[in-house]
Amino acid sequence: MVIERDANGFILTGQDLIQDGRKHPKGWNVDRPPFLLETNVPGIFAAGDVRHGSTKRVASSVGEGSLAVQLIHQYLKSVK
């Protein structure tokens, strides 16, 4: 599966993946919406400058990285 990106090549995550009135991203095979920093591939997360809509600042990237760790732990709890 290919990770979805915008027209400028930035990685789409979270709600930015929900387009055209769909409930889940195209090809999404999990019974929940994607987590905030999760890509269209369940369990793959993106943070910082590579992410669509990020503020492109070091401090923001560090914060997103920290949040990604929490989301990964949440994801791993749901995997059986």
Protein backbone atom coordinates (compact mmCIF):
# COMPACT_ATOMS: atom_id res chain seq x y z
CA MET A 1 0.00 0.00 0.00
CA VAL A 2 1.26 3.48 -0.87
CA ILE A 3 1.14 6.24 1.74
CA GLU A 4 -1.14 9.03 0.52
CA ARG A 5 0.38 12.45 -0.07
CA ASP A 6 -0.92 15.84 -1.13
CA ALA A 7 -0.06 17.61 -4.40
CA ASN A 8 3.17 18.94 -2.84
CA GLY A 9 4.32 15.53 -1.61
CA PHE A 10 3.48 16.00 2.08
CA ILE A 11 2.05 12.97 3.89
CA LEU A 12 -1.66 13.02 4.70
CA THR A 13 -2.62 11.99 8.22
CA GLY A 14 -5.70 11.82 10.43
CA GLN A 15 -8.71 13.81 9.24
CA ASP A 16 -6.83 15.02 6.15
CA LEU A 17 -7.29 11.47 4.82
CA ILE A 18 -11.08 11.71 4.97
CA GLN A 19 -12.18 13.13 1.62
CA ASP A 20 -15.23 13.16 -0.63
CA GLY A 21 -17.61 12.50 2.28
CA ARG A 22 -16.11 9.09 3.01
CA LYS A 23 -16.12 7.74 6.55
CA HIS A 24 -12.64 6.18 6.27
CA PRO A 25 -9.64 6.66 3.98
CA LYS A 26 -9.51 4.76 0.71
CA GLY A 27 -8.39 1.17 1.39
CA TRP A 28 -8.75 1.56 5.18
CA ASN A 29 -9.37 -1.87 6.72
CA VAL A 30 -9.76 -0.95 10.40
CA ASP A 31 -13.09 -0.34 12.16
CA ARG A 32 -12.12 3.13 13.47
CA PRO A 33 -11.04 6.43 11.99
CA PRO A 34 -7.30 7.05 11.69
CA PHE A 35 -5.55 8.52 14.72
CA LEU A 36 -4.43 12.16 14.46
CA LEU A 37 -0.93 11.44 13.05
CA GLU A 38 -1.72 8.08 11.43
CA THR A 39 -1.33 7.66 7.68
CA ASN A 40 -3.68 5.73 5.42
CA VAL A 41 -1.74 2.60 6.43
CA PRO A 42 -2.88 1.54 9.91
CA GLY A 43 0.00 1.65 12.38
CA ILE A 44 2.19 3.94 10.26
CA PHE A 45 2.48 7.45 11.69
CA ALA A 46 4.02 10.69 10.37
CA ALA A 47 5.15 13.72 12.35
CA GLY A 48 6.95 16.97 11.70
CA ASP A 49 7.86 18.62 8.42
CA VAL A 50 6.88 15.64 6.23
CA ARG A 51 3.24 15.93 7.32
CA HIS A 52 0.61 17.91 5.41
CA GLY A 53 -0.52 20.88 7.46
CA SER A 54 2.42 20.92 9.88
CA THR A 55 3.79 24.30 10.94
CA LYS A 56 7.34 23.44 9.77
CA ARG A 57 8.98 24.46 13.05
CA VAL A 58 11.40 22.40 15.15
CA ALA A 59 9.42 22.78 18.38
CA SER A 60 6.21 21.66 16.66
CA SER A 61 7.96 18.67 15.13
CA VAL A 62 9.29 17.61 18.53
CA GLY A 63 5.81 17.90 20.00
CA GLU A 64 4.28 15.88 17.18
CA GLY A 65 6.96 13.22 17.63
CA SER A 66 6.08 12.95 21.31
CA LEU A 67 2.39 12.68 20.45
CA ALA A 68 3.16 10.03 17.82
CA VAL A 69 4.76 7.85 20.50
CA GLN A 70 1.57 8.02 22.57
CA LEU A 71 -0.56 7.20 19.53
CA ILE A 72 1.67 4.25 18.66
CA HIS A 73 1.17 2.86 22.16
CA GLN A 74 -2.59 3.32 21.73
CA TYR A 75 -2.44 1.56 18.36
CA LEU A 76 -0.41 -1.35 19.76
CA LYS A 77 -3.00 -1.89 22.52
CA SER A 78 -5.67 -2.34 19.85
CA VAL A 79 -3.70 -4.89 17.83
CA LYS A 80 -4.44 -8.48 18.74
